[in-house]
Amino acid sequence: MNDIEKLTKDGIRKIPPYIPGRTSESIQEKYHLTRILKLASNENQYGTSPKALEAMKDSLTSSNIYPDPFCIGLRKKLGIKYGFDSSGDNVIISSGACGILSLLGEVFICESDEVIFCTPTFGIYESTCERNGGIPIALPLTADQRFDLDAIQRAVTPKTKMIFICNPNNPSGTAVDSAELKRLINTLPKNIIIVVDEAYIEFADDPAVESMIPETADNGNLIVIRTFSKIYGLAGQRLGYSFMNKELHAVLQKSTPVFVATRTALAGAMAALDDDEFVEKTRKGNSEGRAYLTKELRSMGWTVYPSYTNFLYADSGYNAASLADELEKKGLIIRGNFPCSRITIGTMEQNREVIEIIRQTLKEGRVSEKGK
């Protein structure tokens, strides 16, 4: 341990590294490619809401002026959109979904508190726990790659402080039974903070996959997280939002930094909420692409788990990391750091290219088998 590490809090030293998706620029430079298909970070391949783009351009002329320090305008608009009153006092704005996750750890997780989640899932849950001295309780997903709600309930102890449920889950793309999730929320002790991360739920075209936002009104320990990064195509603006009841909101809002969002990001988000046409275009295109990729990959013998997101989690039968490495050489970037491959759904043109590149790569026979 070097001198700087000795000065560092135990929780920070324990943080597992976050593995980001590789950038187009790094792969382009590494393999001297002219075309890159980046489908590793679940970005919206249909771009950004045109209304948001126009609003952000207009906002640039006021770049010398500080933004709304408490994001009140956006909070009010979101509150009304999702059935709350116009006060905005049920909504927290953050720097992406990661911002609220970090805040929750800072506010609630104390030394030796237990934090429950299933894995594999979004890595920030574990690092949020670790950095604040908590004890991560990582449970396996079910055999069909869903969050195991029964196992979560069994894992609750007097030391449990927080539970993270990613629904739909990243990276598996699966969703839990909504009735069972409501039951869990309403039967857990009220001294446990329940966090339901719905970053991808707008892509779920099955009406049985329900949002838990309405449940926050009557549950003082429930927080539901959303983001502008995915369906609205604003990943580059780093803006997340979350819902909770007013008592919980009062604690978190006073702990939220002022000026958490830029003037440009706020303008884009306000306009994006009005762009139903873009949202529907994205949802429809994603649904068609998801069906196409699922069919094609299954025809190749892959196991493709049911997805309610803008990506697929699929077992090729090969080593996922090796497959990702070989695909990168042809300019296709997917995620290979999970037990299965995670592939972002693109436009139909991109999806067809994905299948062509995968077929060609596997035919060459350089991808390692599982376990190697």
Protein backbone atom coordinates (compact mmCIF):
# COMPACT_ATOMS: atom_id res chain seq x y z
CA MET A 1 0.00 0.00 0.00
CA ASN A 2 1.49 3.35 -1.03
CA ASP A 3 1.33 6.55 1.02
CA ILE A 4 -1.73 7.93 -0.77
CA GLU A 5 -3.65 4.68 -0.28
CA LYS A 6 -2.89 4.87 3.45
CA LEU A 7 -4.63 8.26 3.55
CA THR A 8 -7.67 6.93 1.71
CA LYS A 9 -10.83 5.76 3.47
CA ASP A 10 -11.32 2.00 3.61
CA GLY A 11 -14.52 2.26 1.60
CA ILE A 12 -12.80 4.02 -1.27
CA ARG A 13 -10.02 1.44 -1.42
CA LYS A 14 -12.62 -1.33 -1.67
CA ILE A 15 -14.52 0.16 -4.59
CA PRO A 16 -14.57 -2.30 -7.48
CA PRO A 17 -13.50 -0.66 -10.73
CA TYR A 18 -16.26 0.33 -13.12
CA ILE A 19 -15.64 -1.11 -16.57
CA PRO A 20 -16.95 1.34 -19.19
CA GLY A 21 -17.70 0.45 -22.78
CA ARG A 22 -14.81 1.00 -25.15
CA THR A 23 -14.94 4.19 -27.18
CA SER A 24 -15.25 4.31 -30.95
CA GLU A 25 -12.09 6.41 -31.12
CA SER A 26 -9.95 3.88 -29.21
CA ILE A 27 -11.03 0.96 -31.40
CA GLN A 28 -10.69 3.00 -34.59
CA GLU A 29 -7.14 3.94 -33.69
CA LYS A 30 -6.19 0.45 -32.45
CA TYR A 31 -7.28 -1.41 -35.58
CA HIS A 32 -6.99 1.41 -38.16
CA LEU A 33 -10.67 1.14 -39.09
CA THR A 34 -12.77 3.64 -40.99
CA ARG A 35 -16.17 2.50 -39.69
CA ILE A 36 -17.13 1.69 -36.11
CA LEU A 37 -20.41 0.23 -34.88
CA LYS A 38 -20.53 1.05 -31.16
CA LEU A 39 -23.24 -1.08 -29.56
CA ALA A 40 -21.82 -1.55 -26.09
CA SER A 41 -23.20 1.32 -24.01
CA ASN A 42 -26.96 1.11 -24.69
CA GLU A 43 -27.07 4.57 -26.21
CA ASN A 44 -30.09 5.59 -28.28
CA GLN A 45 -29.12 4.77 -31.87
CA TYR A 46 -31.94 6.97 -33.17
CA GLY A 47 -30.12 10.04 -31.90
CA THR A 48 -31.58 12.79 -29.74
CA SER A 49 -35.04 14.30 -29.59
CA PRO A 50 -35.16 17.05 -32.26
CA LYS A 51 -37.10 19.26 -29.86
CA ALA A 52 -34.38 18.79 -27.26
CA LEU A 53 -31.64 19.64 -29.77
CA GLU A 54 -33.37 22.88 -30.74
CA ALA A 55 -33.91 23.88 -27.11
CA MET A 56 -30.30 23.13 -26.21
CA LYS A 57 -29.03 25.23 -29.12
CA ASP A 58 -31.17 28.15 -27.98
CA SER A 59 -29.90 27.80 -24.41
CA LEU A 60 -26.28 28.30 -25.46
CA THR A 61 -26.78 32.03 -25.82
CA SER A 62 -27.35 32.18 -22.04
CA SER A 63 -24.26 30.17 -21.12
CA ASN A 64 -22.97 33.07 -19.02
CA ILE A 65 -25.95 32.70 -16.66
CA TYR A 66 -26.13 30.06 -13.93
CA PRO A 67 -28.84 27.41 -14.40
CA ASP A 68 -31.80 26.89 -12.10
CA PRO A 69 -29.97 25.93 -8.86
CA PHE A 70 -32.64 23.46 -7.72
CA CYS A 71 -33.99 22.41 -11.15
CA ILE A 72 -37.44 23.47 -10.00
CA GLY A 73 -38.91 23.88 -13.49
CA LEU A 74 -37.96 20.37 -14.53
CA ARG A 75 -39.01 18.89 -11.19
CA LYS A 76 -42.46 20.46 -11.51
CA LYS A 77 -42.89 19.25 -15.07
CA LEU A 78 -41.90 15.70 -14.17
CA GLY A 79 -44.14 15.73 -11.12
CA ILE A 80 -47.18 16.70 -13.16
CA LYS A 81 -46.34 14.23 -15.94
CA TYR A 82 -46.23 11.33 -13.50
CA GLY A 83 -49.31 12.18 -11.47
CA PHE A 84 -47.97 14.19 -8.55
CA ASP A 85 -48.84 17.78 -7.66
CA SER A 86 -47.14 20.77 -9.25
CA SER A 87 -44.74 21.49 -6.37
CA GLY A 88 -41.92 19.32 -7.69
CA ASP A 89 -41.45 18.03 -4.16
CA ASN A 90 -41.56 14.39 -5.21
CA VAL A 91 -38.69 14.65 -7.71
CA ILE A 92 -34.91 14.80 -7.36
CA ILE A 93 -32.73 15.76 -10.34
CA SER A 94 -29.24 14.29 -10.50
CA SER A 95 -26.22 13.97 -12.75
CA GLY A 96 -27.44 10.84 -14.49
CA ALA A 97 -28.85 7.91 -12.54
CA CYS A 98 -25.38 7.53 -11.00
CA GLY A 99 -25.81 10.89 -9.27
CA ILE A 100 -28.81 9.84 -7.21
CA LEU A 101 -27.24 6.45 -6.47
CA SER A 102 -24.15 8.17 -5.05
CA LEU A 103 -26.33 10.55 -3.06
CA LEU A 104 -28.33 7.68 -1.54
CA GLY A 105 -25.14 6.05 -0.35
CA GLU A 106 -23.85 9.31 1.12
CA VAL A 107 -27.09 10.03 2.96
CA PHE A 108 -28.16 6.60 4.18
CA ILE A 109 -25.42 3.96 4.14
CA CYS A 110 -23.38 3.81 7.33
CA GLU A 111 -20.52 1.61 8.46
CA SER A 112 -21.52 -2.11 8.42
CA ASP A 113 -24.98 -1.48 6.96
CA GLU A 114 -25.99 -4.30 4.63
CA VAL A 115 -27.04 -3.51 1.06
CA ILE A 116 -28.81 -6.21 -0.96
CA PHE A 117 -28.91 -6.61 -4.74
CA CYS A 118 -28.67 -9.40 -7.31
CA THR A 119 -25.78 -9.88 -9.71
CA PRO A 120 -24.81 -9.38 -12.46
CA THR A 121 -26.36 -5.94 -12.43
CA PHE A 122 -25.35 -2.26 -12.63
CA GLY A 123 -21.97 -2.08 -10.89
CA ILE A 124 -22.64 1.26 -9.21
CA TYR A 125 -24.85 -0.42 -6.59
CA GLU A 126 -21.88 -2.28 -5.16
CA SER A 127 -19.49 0.66 -5.35
CA THR A 128 -22.06 2.95 -3.67
CA CYS A 129 -22.23 0.48 -0.83
CA GLU A 130 -18.47 -0.04 -0.55
CA ARG A 131 -17.45 3.62 -0.63
CA ASN A 132 -19.69 4.34 2.36
CA GLY A 133 -18.52 1.44 4.48
CA GLY A 134 -21.52 -0.79 3.83
CA ILE A 135 -21.50 -4.54 3.34
CA PRO A 136 -22.69 -5.66 -0.12
CA ILE A 137 -24.97 -8.71 -0.12
CA ALA A 138 -24.80 -9.87 -3.72
CA LEU A 139 -27.27 -12.62 -4.60
CA PRO A 140 -27.31 -14.53 -7.89
CA LEU A 141 -29.99 -13.88 -10.48
CA THR A 142 -32.55 -16.64 -11.02
CA ALA A 143 -31.89 -19.31 -13.65
CA ASP A 144 -33.80 -17.20 -16.17
CA GLN A 145 -31.61 -14.16 -15.33
CA ARG A 146 -34.14 -12.15 -13.30
CA PHE A 147 -33.78 -10.46 -9.93
CA ASP A 148 -34.63 -13.09 -7.31
CA LEU A 149 -37.24 -11.32 -5.17
CA ASP A 150 -37.76 -14.28 -2.86
CA ALA A 151 -34.04 -14.57 -2.19
CA ILE A 152 -33.88 -10.83 -1.50
CA GLN A 153 -36.62 -11.12 1.11
CA ARG A 154 -34.88 -14.08 2.74
CA ALA A 155 -31.59 -12.14 2.86
CA VAL A 156 -33.04 -9.28 4.93
CA THR A 157 -31.54 -9.00 8.42
CA PRO A 158 -31.67 -6.34 11.17
CA LYS A 159 -28.56 -4.84 9.51
CA THR A 160 -30.21 -4.35 6.10
CA LYS A 161 -30.30 -0.64 5.21
CA MET A 162 -30.92 -0.60 1.46
CA ILE A 163 -32.10 -2.84 -1.37
CA PHE A 164 -31.39 -2.16 -5.06
CA ILE A 165 -33.68 -3.69 -7.70
CA CYS A 166 -32.83 -3.01 -11.33
CA ASN A 167 -36.01 -3.50 -13.35
CA PRO A 168 -35.55 -4.18 -16.20
CA ASN A 169 -32.11 -5.38 -15.23
CA ASN A 170 -28.83 -4.35 -16.77
CA PRO A 171 -27.15 -6.45 -18.21
CA SER A 172 -29.70 -9.28 -18.47
CA GLY A 173 -32.55 -7.15 -19.90
CA THR A 174 -35.12 -9.15 -17.96
CA ALA A 175 -37.96 -7.85 -15.79
CA VAL A 176 -39.56 -9.22 -12.64
CA ASP A 177 -43.25 -9.90 -12.08
CA SER A 178 -44.83 -6.54 -11.20
CA ALA A 179 -47.30 -7.99 -8.70
CA GLU A 180 -44.48 -9.79 -6.89
CA LEU A 181 -42.39 -6.61 -6.84
CA LYS A 182 -45.28 -4.64 -5.32
CA ARG A 183 -45.75 -7.35 -2.73
CA LEU A 184 -42.07 -7.18 -1.77
CA ILE A 185 -42.13 -3.39 -1.54
CA ASN A 186 -45.18 -3.42 0.69
CA THR A 187 -44.02 -6.19 3.03
CA LEU A 188 -40.42 -5.15 3.72
CA PRO A 189 -39.68 -3.30 6.97
CA LYS A 190 -40.11 0.46 6.67
CA ASN A 191 -36.61 1.12 7.96
CA ILE A 192 -35.14 -0.28 4.73
CA ILE A 193 -34.66 2.04 1.75
CA ILE A 194 -35.93 0.31 -1.41
CA VAL A 195 -34.48 1.60 -4.69
CA VAL A 196 -36.05 0.50 -7.98
CA ASP A 197 -33.92 1.50 -10.96
CA GLU A 198 -36.13 1.91 -14.06
CA ALA A 199 -33.56 3.36 -16.44
CA TYR A 200 -34.78 1.11 -19.28
CA ILE A 201 -38.46 0.63 -18.50
CA GLU A 202 -39.68 2.91 -21.31
CA PHE A 203 -38.49 0.24 -23.76
CA ALA A 204 -40.71 -2.44 -22.19
CA ASP A 205 -43.65 -2.89 -24.57
CA ASP A 206 -45.30 -5.52 -22.38
CA PRO A 207 -48.03 -3.83 -20.29
CA ALA A 208 -47.38 -6.39 -17.56
CA VAL A 209 -44.05 -4.66 -16.84
CA GLU A 210 -45.32 -1.85 -14.61
CA SER A 211 -43.51 1.16 -13.22
CA MET A 212 -43.32 1.44 -9.45
CA ILE A 213 -43.59 5.24 -9.55
CA PRO A 214 -47.25 5.20 -8.34
CA GLU A 215 -46.16 3.13 -5.33
CA THR A 216 -43.92 5.94 -4.05
CA ALA A 217 -46.91 8.02 -2.94
CA ASP A 218 -47.74 5.61 -0.11
CA ASN A 219 -44.27 4.22 0.62
CA GLY A 220 -41.95 6.48 2.55
CA ASN A 221 -39.00 4.17 1.94
CA LEU A 222 -39.35 3.69 -1.85
CA ILE A 223 -37.32 5.53 -4.48
CA VAL A 224 -37.77 5.00 -8.24
CA ILE A 225 -34.96 6.11 -10.55
CA ARG A 226 -35.25 7.13 -14.20
CA THR A 227 -32.89 8.75 -16.72
CA PHE A 228 -32.91 10.98 -19.78
CA SER A 229 -29.96 9.04 -21.20
CA LYS A 230 -31.84 6.20 -22.90
CA ILE A 231 -35.28 6.72 -24.46
CA TYR A 232 -34.74 10.49 -24.82
CA GLY A 233 -31.25 10.17 -26.30
CA LEU A 234 -29.60 12.60 -23.89
CA ALA A 235 -26.78 10.40 -22.55
CA GLY A 236 -24.22 13.12 -23.23
CA GLN A 237 -26.10 15.61 -21.05
CA ARG A 238 -25.93 13.38 -17.91
CA LEU A 239 -29.36 13.97 -16.40
CA GLY A 240 -31.27 11.58 -14.16
CA TYR A 241 -34.42 11.93 -12.06
CA SER A 242 -36.10 10.00 -9.29
CA PHE A 243 -39.44 9.86 -7.51
CA MET A 244 -40.28 9.47 -3.82
CA ASN A 245 -42.73 10.77 -1.25
CA LYS A 246 -42.35 14.28 0.14
CA GLU A 247 -40.81 13.30 3.48
CA LEU A 248 -38.02 11.37 1.81
CA HIS A 249 -37.66 14.12 -0.77
CA ALA A 250 -37.06 16.74 1.94
CA VAL A 251 -34.07 14.81 3.23
CA LEU A 252 -32.54 14.17 -0.19
CA GLN A 253 -33.22 17.58 -1.71
CA LYS A 254 -31.34 19.41 1.05
CA SER A 255 -28.44 17.01 0.45
CA THR A 256 -28.40 17.54 -3.32
CA PRO A 257 -25.73 19.94 -4.61
CA VAL A 258 -26.99 23.17 -6.17
CA PHE A 259 -26.44 23.59 -9.92
CA VAL A 260 -26.45 19.80 -10.38
CA ALA A 261 -27.50 20.23 -14.03
CA THR A 262 -26.33 22.63 -16.72
CA ARG A 263 -28.62 25.16 -18.37
CA THR A 264 -28.24 23.26 -21.65
CA ALA A 265 -29.14 19.89 -20.11
CA LEU A 266 -32.20 21.33 -18.38
CA ALA A 267 -33.43 22.94 -21.60
CA GLY A 268 -32.98 19.68 -23.47
CA ALA A 269 -34.79 17.65 -20.85
CA MET A 270 -37.75 20.02 -20.65
CA ALA A 271 -38.19 19.88 -24.42
CA ALA A 272 -37.61 16.11 -24.65
CA LEU A 273 -40.56 15.50 -22.33
CA ASP A 274 -42.79 17.06 -24.98
CA ASP A 275 -41.38 15.06 -27.89
CA ASP A 276 -43.77 12.13 -27.93
CA GLU A 277 -43.09 11.56 -31.63
CA PHE A 278 -39.38 10.90 -31.03
CA VAL A 279 -40.07 8.65 -28.05
CA GLU A 280 -42.57 6.59 -30.06
CA LYS A 281 -40.17 6.37 -33.02
CA THR A 282 -37.43 5.09 -30.71
CA ARG A 283 -39.71 2.64 -28.95
CA LYS A 284 -41.12 1.24 -32.20
CA GLY A 285 -37.73 0.94 -33.90
CA ASN A 286 -36.25 -0.68 -30.81
CA SER A 287 -39.08 -3.21 -30.61
CA GLU A 288 -38.62 -4.21 -34.26
CA GLY A 289 -34.85 -4.42 -33.89
CA ARG A 290 -35.11 -6.47 -30.73
CA ALA A 291 -37.36 -9.01 -32.45
CA TYR A 292 -35.04 -9.20 -35.47
CA LEU A 293 -31.83 -9.66 -33.49
CA THR A 294 -33.45 -12.20 -31.18
CA LYS A 295 -34.66 -14.26 -34.12
CA GLU A 296 -31.35 -14.14 -35.98
CA LEU A 297 -29.19 -14.94 -32.95
CA ARG A 298 -31.44 -17.83 -31.92
CA SER A 299 -31.22 -19.20 -35.47
CA MET A 300 -27.45 -19.36 -34.88
CA GLY A 301 -27.97 -21.45 -31.76
CA TRP A 302 -27.60 -18.65 -29.22
CA THR A 303 -29.62 -18.49 -26.01
CA VAL A 304 -31.23 -15.02 -25.99
CA TYR A 305 -32.93 -13.96 -22.78
CA PRO A 306 -36.25 -12.06 -23.05
CA SER A 307 -35.42 -8.36 -23.14
CA TYR A 308 -37.51 -5.40 -22.02
CA THR A 309 -34.74 -2.94 -22.83
CA ASN A 310 -32.75 -1.52 -25.75
CA PHE A 311 -30.17 -4.32 -25.56
CA LEU A 312 -29.98 -8.11 -25.64
CA TYR A 313 -28.22 -10.46 -23.23
CA ALA A 314 -27.26 -13.54 -25.16
CA ASP A 315 -25.19 -16.67 -24.63
CA SER A 316 -23.34 -17.55 -27.82
CA GLY A 317 -21.82 -20.70 -26.38
CA TYR A 318 -18.40 -19.05 -26.69
CA ASN A 319 -16.27 -17.04 -24.28
CA ALA A 320 -17.99 -13.63 -24.14
CA ALA A 321 -14.75 -11.65 -23.73
CA SER A 322 -13.05 -13.47 -26.60
CA LEU A 323 -16.03 -12.90 -28.86
CA ALA A 324 -16.08 -9.19 -28.04
CA ASP A 325 -12.36 -8.91 -28.76
CA GLU A 326 -12.71 -10.58 -32.16
CA LEU A 327 -15.73 -8.47 -33.12
CA GLU A 328 -13.83 -5.29 -32.28
CA LYS A 329 -11.29 -6.14 -34.97
CA LYS A 330 -14.12 -5.73 -37.48
CA GLY A 331 -15.38 -2.51 -35.92
CA LEU A 332 -18.27 -3.92 -33.86
CA ILE A 333 -18.12 -2.99 -30.16
CA ILE A 334 -20.29 -5.00 -27.74
CA ARG A 335 -19.93 -5.83 -24.05
CA GLY A 336 -17.91 -8.91 -23.23
CA ASN A 337 -17.23 -8.42 -19.51
CA PHE A 338 -20.35 -10.30 -18.36
CA PRO A 339 -21.02 -14.06 -18.43
CA CYS A 340 -23.00 -13.50 -21.65
CA SER A 341 -22.70 -10.97 -24.48
CA ARG A 342 -24.62 -7.71 -24.15
CA ILE A 343 -25.51 -6.09 -27.46
CA THR A 344 -27.22 -2.73 -27.83
CA ILE A 345 -30.12 -2.75 -30.29
CA GLY A 346 -29.51 -0.35 -33.16
CA THR A 347 -31.34 0.78 -36.24
CA MET A 348 -32.38 -1.98 -38.63
CA GLU A 349 -29.44 -1.15 -40.88
CA GLN A 350 -27.09 -1.51 -37.92
CA ASN A 351 -28.79 -4.69 -36.72
CA ARG A 352 -28.35 -6.39 -40.09
CA GLU A 353 -24.70 -5.39 -40.08
CA VAL A 354 -24.32 -6.82 -36.57
CA ILE A 355 -25.58 -10.23 -37.67
CA GLU A 356 -23.34 -10.22 -40.75
CA ILE A 357 -20.25 -9.37 -38.70
CA ILE A 358 -21.04 -11.97 -36.04
CA ARG A 359 -21.59 -14.71 -38.63
CA GLN A 360 -18.36 -13.84 -40.40
CA THR A 361 -16.38 -13.71 -37.15
CA LEU A 362 -17.62 -17.07 -35.86
CA LYS A 363 -16.96 -18.64 -39.25
CA GLU A 364 -13.29 -17.66 -38.99
CA GLY A 365 -12.98 -19.84 -35.89
CA ARG A 366 -10.80 -17.62 -33.71
CA VAL A 367 -13.24 -17.13 -30.83
CA SER A 368 -12.33 -19.08 -27.68
CA GLU A 369 -14.69 -21.61 -26.19
CA LYS A 370 -16.30 -21.02 -22.81
CA GLY A 371 -13.94 -21.50 -19.91
CA LYS A 372 -10.88 -20.60 -21.96
